[in-house]
Structures are given as structure tokens and as C-alpha cells.
């Protein structure tokens, strides 16, 4: 990435001279951090007014590993190797411990990557919840849904999965409570209500709970 592009991405409001000074200081600090970690500061290459990481350097990041594991899981699932895909998804889900660069919430240059990774995590979490439910491990499915909803509180797909797992494990009251929480969150954050599919699931679980009560001696 060129020097000017880096400055524009990280410090868009300052002039060129100040931006170059800040960039120089940041690269110096990064190289110092690498040296303190026992790595070579030559992993950062500067040439022709541009910076890049040495492609041969043994650098590991959770972002790259997350993407690798998700892609691996999808490929394995497509090949019918469901158990191996399940393990890859589990490893990927465990890597997502917070939003991308969450200590820089107002950095515009990180917003796109943050949104992309969150979307990928939500999709992964919902698929993993399905796989847990298919194995009859509804407690694990609910736990995954809870983690997804912590990150994306109005995600109806995850709310529905959570409702189904509660109902399947004999806790319809918690399934109905999940619907109401989802309903409240959508109203508060988006000014709307649950989708027809979510409402239909609620009515189905409610009817089942009423029928069960009527059958009691």
C-alpha cells in the first residue's frame, strides 16, 4: 500500500507533512514491537514509497485463520465430510472473540472489514447451531445462538434456531420468551416487528405448549 494511501486511511484529517511524520512514527513503533517479540523488523518492507509485509514471513493472524477455517468447513461439507466440517466450524467460531479492532470503534478504515467479519461470524454461528441441533445437542446450539445474538441482537435466524432448540429440549416457555425478546429488540432498534416466519414459529410452539397442558391429567 502506498504511503499516501496509508495516511489517508488512518489519518484522513491531517495534512501531508503531519501524516508522513505519524506514519514514520507508527512504522518505527511496529518494528520495535516485532523486535521485542523476537521477530525480524525486516518483515515490514518499504520500497518505492509503498509498504508491505514480507510474503515469506511466518505471520499468523486470527482474521486469516478464521477465514481459512470457514472456507475449509464449507469445502469439507460440500464433499460430504460433515464431521470434519463440523470441527472446522467449531474452531472458527472459537476464534471470534470480539469485533475486528474493537478498541478502535470509530476508525472508518476498519468499518468495512469489521462488518464483513461480523456477517461471516453470524452466518457461521447459525450453521454451527444447525449442526449441533442435528446431533441432538440443543444446549450447545442454544449457547452458539446466544453468542451470535450478543453480537447481532436482532438476528431473527438465530432467534428462530434458539426457539426450536428450546422447544425440542422440552422448554417451550423459554422458546416463547426468546420470541418476545427478539420482538422487543426489533421494535427498539429497528422500529419493526418479527418476520412472518418467526411469528409462525411462535404460534406453532405456543399451540404445542397449550396442547400439552390440556393433555395433562
Protein backbone atom coordinates (compact mmCIF):
# COMPACT_ATOMS: atom_id res chain seq x y z
CA UNK A 1 0.00 0.00 0.00
CA UNK A 2 1.36 3.42 -0.87
CA UNK A 3 2.44 5.83 1.83
CA UNK A 4 -0.27 8.32 0.85
CA UNK A 5 -2.98 5.64 0.86
CA UNK A 6 -1.98 4.55 4.36
CA UNK A 7 -2.06 8.12 5.64
CA UNK A 8 -5.46 8.75 4.05
CA UNK A 9 -6.86 5.52 5.54
CA UNK A 10 -5.60 6.04 9.09
CA UNK A 11 -5.32 9.84 9.49
CA UNK A 12 -7.63 11.36 6.86
CA UNK A 13 -7.98 14.73 8.60
CA UNK A 14 -4.33 15.81 8.81
CA UNK A 15 -2.05 17.43 6.28
CA UNK A 16 0.55 15.58 4.23
CA UNK A 17 3.58 16.63 6.28
CA UNK A 18 2.00 15.65 9.62
CA UNK A 19 0.67 12.44 8.09
CA UNK A 20 4.11 11.36 6.91
CA UNK A 21 5.55 12.08 10.33
CA UNK A 22 2.85 10.00 12.04
CA UNK A 23 3.28 7.16 9.59
CA UNK A 24 7.04 7.13 10.16
CA UNK A 25 6.47 7.01 13.92
CA UNK A 26 3.90 4.22 13.59
CA UNK A 27 6.18 2.08 11.39
CA UNK A 28 9.06 2.63 13.82
CA UNK A 29 6.86 1.55 16.75
CA UNK A 30 5.63 -1.51 14.84
CA UNK A 31 9.18 -2.57 14.05
CA UNK A 32 10.11 -2.09 17.70
CA UNK A 33 7.18 -4.31 18.71
CA UNK A 34 8.36 -7.01 16.30
CA UNK A 35 11.89 -6.87 17.71
CA UNK A 36 10.58 -7.15 21.28
CA UNK A 37 8.53 -10.18 20.24
CA UNK A 38 11.65 -11.86 18.88
CA UNK A 39 10.68 -11.37 15.24
CA UNK A 40 12.59 -9.61 12.49
CA UNK A 41 11.72 -5.98 11.92
CA UNK A 42 12.54 -6.60 8.26
CA UNK A 43 9.11 -8.22 7.88
CA UNK A 44 7.91 -4.71 7.02
CA UNK A 45 9.25 -3.80 3.59
CA UNK A 46 9.41 -0.22 2.32
CA UNK A 47 10.11 0.28 -1.38
CA UNK A 48 9.22 2.98 -3.91
CA UNK A 49 7.10 4.92 -1.44
CA UNK A 50 5.00 1.87 -0.51
CA UNK A 51 4.83 -0.53 2.43
CA UNK A 52 4.04 -4.21 2.54
CA UNK A 53 4.59 -7.27 4.71
CA UNK A 54 7.22 -9.76 3.64
CA UNK A 55 5.13 -12.52 1.98
CA UNK A 56 7.59 -15.16 3.20
CA UNK A 57 7.30 -14.08 6.84
CA UNK A 58 5.67 -16.63 9.21
CA UNK A 59 2.83 -14.33 10.28
CA UNK A 60 -0.34 -15.73 11.87
CA UNK A 61 -3.47 -13.67 12.45
CA UNK A 62 -6.80 -14.73 13.86
CA UNK A 63 -8.58 -13.00 10.96
CA UNK A 64 -6.76 -15.06 8.34
CA UNK A 65 -7.19 -18.26 10.34
CA UNK A 66 -10.91 -17.57 10.82
CA UNK A 67 -11.37 -17.17 7.06
CA UNK A 68 -9.30 -20.28 6.35
CA UNK A 69 -11.31 -22.45 8.74
CA UNK A 70 -14.67 -21.21 7.44
CA UNK A 71 -13.61 -21.90 3.85
CA UNK A 72 -12.27 -25.30 4.88
CA UNK A 73 -15.53 -26.16 6.64
CA UNK A 74 -17.59 -25.23 3.60
CA UNK A 75 -15.37 -27.28 1.31
CA UNK A 76 -15.47 -30.31 3.60
CA UNK A 77 -19.23 -30.05 3.96
CA UNK A 78 -19.57 -29.85 0.18
CA UNK A 79 -17.53 -33.04 -0.06
CA UNK A 80 -19.81 -34.79 2.41
CA UNK A 81 -17.16 -34.86 5.16
CA UNK A 82 -19.58 -33.44 7.69
CA UNK A 83 -17.75 -34.39 10.89
CA UNK A 84 -14.54 -32.72 9.75
CA UNK A 85 -16.51 -29.70 8.58
CA UNK A 86 -18.17 -29.51 11.99
CA UNK A 87 -14.77 -29.42 13.72
CA UNK A 88 -13.50 -26.71 11.37
CA UNK A 89 -16.58 -24.60 12.09
CA UNK A 90 -16.13 -25.09 15.83
CA UNK A 91 -12.53 -23.92 15.65
CA UNK A 92 -13.50 -20.90 13.56
CA UNK A 93 -16.31 -19.92 15.93
CA UNK A 94 -13.96 -20.12 18.91
CA UNK A 95 -11.58 -17.66 17.23
CA UNK A 96 -14.18 -14.89 17.06
CA UNK A 97 -13.77 -13.32 20.49
CA UNK A 98 -14.83 -9.79 19.59
CA UNK A 99 -15.29 -7.36 16.74
CA UNK A 100 -12.42 -6.56 14.41
CA UNK A 101 -10.18 -3.98 16.14
CA UNK A 102 -12.89 -3.30 18.71
CA UNK A 103 -10.54 -0.96 20.58
CA UNK A 104 -10.82 1.39 17.55
CA UNK A 105 -14.61 1.63 17.21
CA UNK A 106 -14.58 4.93 15.32
CA UNK A 107 -11.83 4.12 12.82
CA UNK A 108 -13.58 4.46 9.46
CA UNK A 109 -10.87 2.48 7.67
CA UNK A 110 -11.71 -0.60 9.76
CA UNK A 111 -15.51 -0.39 9.44
CA UNK A 112 -15.84 -2.39 6.24
CA UNK A 113 -13.71 -5.27 7.46
CA UNK A 114 -15.49 -5.21 10.83
CA UNK A 115 -18.89 -5.52 9.15
CA UNK A 116 -17.67 -8.25 6.78
CA UNK A 117 -16.25 -10.37 9.59
CA UNK A 118 -19.34 -9.92 11.76
CA UNK A 119 -21.56 -11.03 8.88
CA UNK A 120 -19.34 -14.07 8.35
CA UNK A 121 -19.44 -14.89 12.05
CA UNK A 122 -23.24 -14.67 12.18
CA UNK A 123 -23.58 -16.96 9.16
CA UNK A 124 -21.08 -19.39 10.66
CA UNK A 125 -22.75 -19.36 14.06
CA UNK A 126 -26.16 -20.10 12.60
CA UNK A 127 -24.79 -23.00 10.56
CA UNK A 128 -22.96 -24.38 13.59
CA UNK A 129 -26.14 -24.13 15.67
CA UNK A 130 -27.93 -26.20 13.00
CA UNK A 131 -25.22 -28.86 13.16
CA UNK A 132 -25.40 -29.04 16.95
CA UNK A 133 -29.20 -29.34 16.78
CA UNK A 134 -28.95 -32.12 14.18
CA UNK A 135 -26.78 -34.00 16.70
CA UNK A 136 -29.41 -33.50 19.40
CA UNK A 137 -27.11 -31.21 21.38
CA UNK A 138 -29.61 -28.43 21.86
CA UNK A 139 -27.77 -26.92 24.83
CA UNK A 140 -24.74 -26.31 22.61
CA UNK A 141 -26.95 -24.96 19.81
CA UNK A 142 -28.57 -22.51 22.23
CA UNK A 143 -25.15 -21.43 23.54
CA UNK A 144 -23.98 -20.65 19.99
CA UNK A 145 -27.17 -18.72 19.27
CA UNK A 146 -26.65 -16.71 22.44
CA UNK A 147 -23.16 -15.75 21.31
CA UNK A 148 -24.47 -14.72 17.89
CA UNK A 149 -27.27 -12.67 19.44
CA UNK A 150 -24.77 -10.95 21.70
CA UNK A 151 -23.08 -9.68 18.53
CA UNK A 152 -26.23 -9.19 16.41
CA UNK A 153 -29.14 -8.84 18.81
CA UNK A 154 -31.89 -8.64 16.19
CA UNK A 155 -30.79 -11.57 14.07
CA UNK A 156 -34.04 -13.45 13.58
CA UNK A 157 -32.43 -16.53 12.05
CA UNK A 158 -30.50 -17.12 15.24
CA UNK A 159 -33.56 -16.35 17.38
CA UNK A 160 -35.57 -18.97 15.46
CA UNK A 161 -32.85 -21.58 15.89
CA UNK A 162 -32.78 -20.84 19.60
CA UNK A 163 -36.57 -21.14 19.79
CA UNK A 164 -36.53 -24.50 18.01
CA UNK A 165 -33.82 -25.88 20.27
CA UNK A 166 -35.65 -24.77 23.41
CA UNK A 167 -38.86 -26.38 22.13
CA UNK A 168 -37.05 -29.58 21.12
CA UNK A 169 -35.46 -29.86 24.56
CA UNK A 170 -38.82 -29.52 26.33
CA UNK A 171 -38.64 -25.83 27.26
CA UNK A 172 -41.40 -24.14 25.25
CA UNK A 173 -41.71 -21.32 27.77
CA UNK A 174 -38.09 -20.32 27.10
CA UNK A 175 -38.74 -20.56 23.37
CA UNK A 176 -41.66 -18.15 23.73
CA UNK A 177 -39.56 -15.84 25.89
CA UNK A 178 -36.91 -15.83 23.16
CA UNK A 179 -39.53 -14.66 20.68
CA UNK A 180 -40.61 -11.82 22.95
CA UNK A 181 -37.01 -10.74 23.47
CA UNK A 182 -36.49 -10.73 19.71
CA UNK A 183 -39.73 -8.78 19.24
CA UNK A 184 -38.66 -6.16 21.79
CA UNK A 185 -35.19 -5.83 20.28
CA UNK A 186 -36.54 -5.34 16.76
CA UNK A 187 -39.01 -2.72 17.96
CA UNK A 188 -36.38 -0.85 19.94
CA UNK A 189 -33.57 -0.92 17.39
CA UNK A 190 -35.35 -1.01 14.03
CA UNK A 191 -38.89 0.11 14.74
CA UNK A 192 -40.32 -3.05 13.22
CA UNK A 193 -41.65 -6.45 14.24
CA UNK A 194 -40.63 -10.07 13.65
CA UNK A 195 -40.90 -11.59 10.20
CA UNK A 196 -43.81 -13.82 9.28
CA UNK A 197 -41.62 -16.93 9.59
CA UNK A 198 -40.66 -16.01 13.16
CA UNK A 199 -44.27 -15.28 14.11
CA UNK A 200 -45.42 -18.58 12.59
CA UNK A 201 -42.84 -20.47 14.64
CA UNK A 202 -44.01 -18.66 17.77
CA UNK A 203 -47.62 -19.62 17.09
CA UNK A 204 -46.62 -23.22 16.42
CA UNK A 205 -44.70 -23.52 19.69
CA UNK A 206 -47.46 -21.72 21.61
CA UNK A 207 -50.09 -24.08 20.22
CA UNK A 208 -47.94 -27.09 21.12
CA UNK A 209 -47.50 -25.82 24.67
CA UNK A 210 -51.24 -25.28 25.09
CA UNK A 211 -52.00 -28.73 23.71
CA UNK A 212 -49.51 -30.28 26.12
CA UNK A 213 -51.13 -28.53 29.07
CA UNK A 214 -54.59 -29.70 28.04
CA UNK A 215 -53.35 -33.30 27.89
CA UNK A 216 -52.11 -33.22 31.47
CA UNK A 217 -54.21 -35.36 33.85
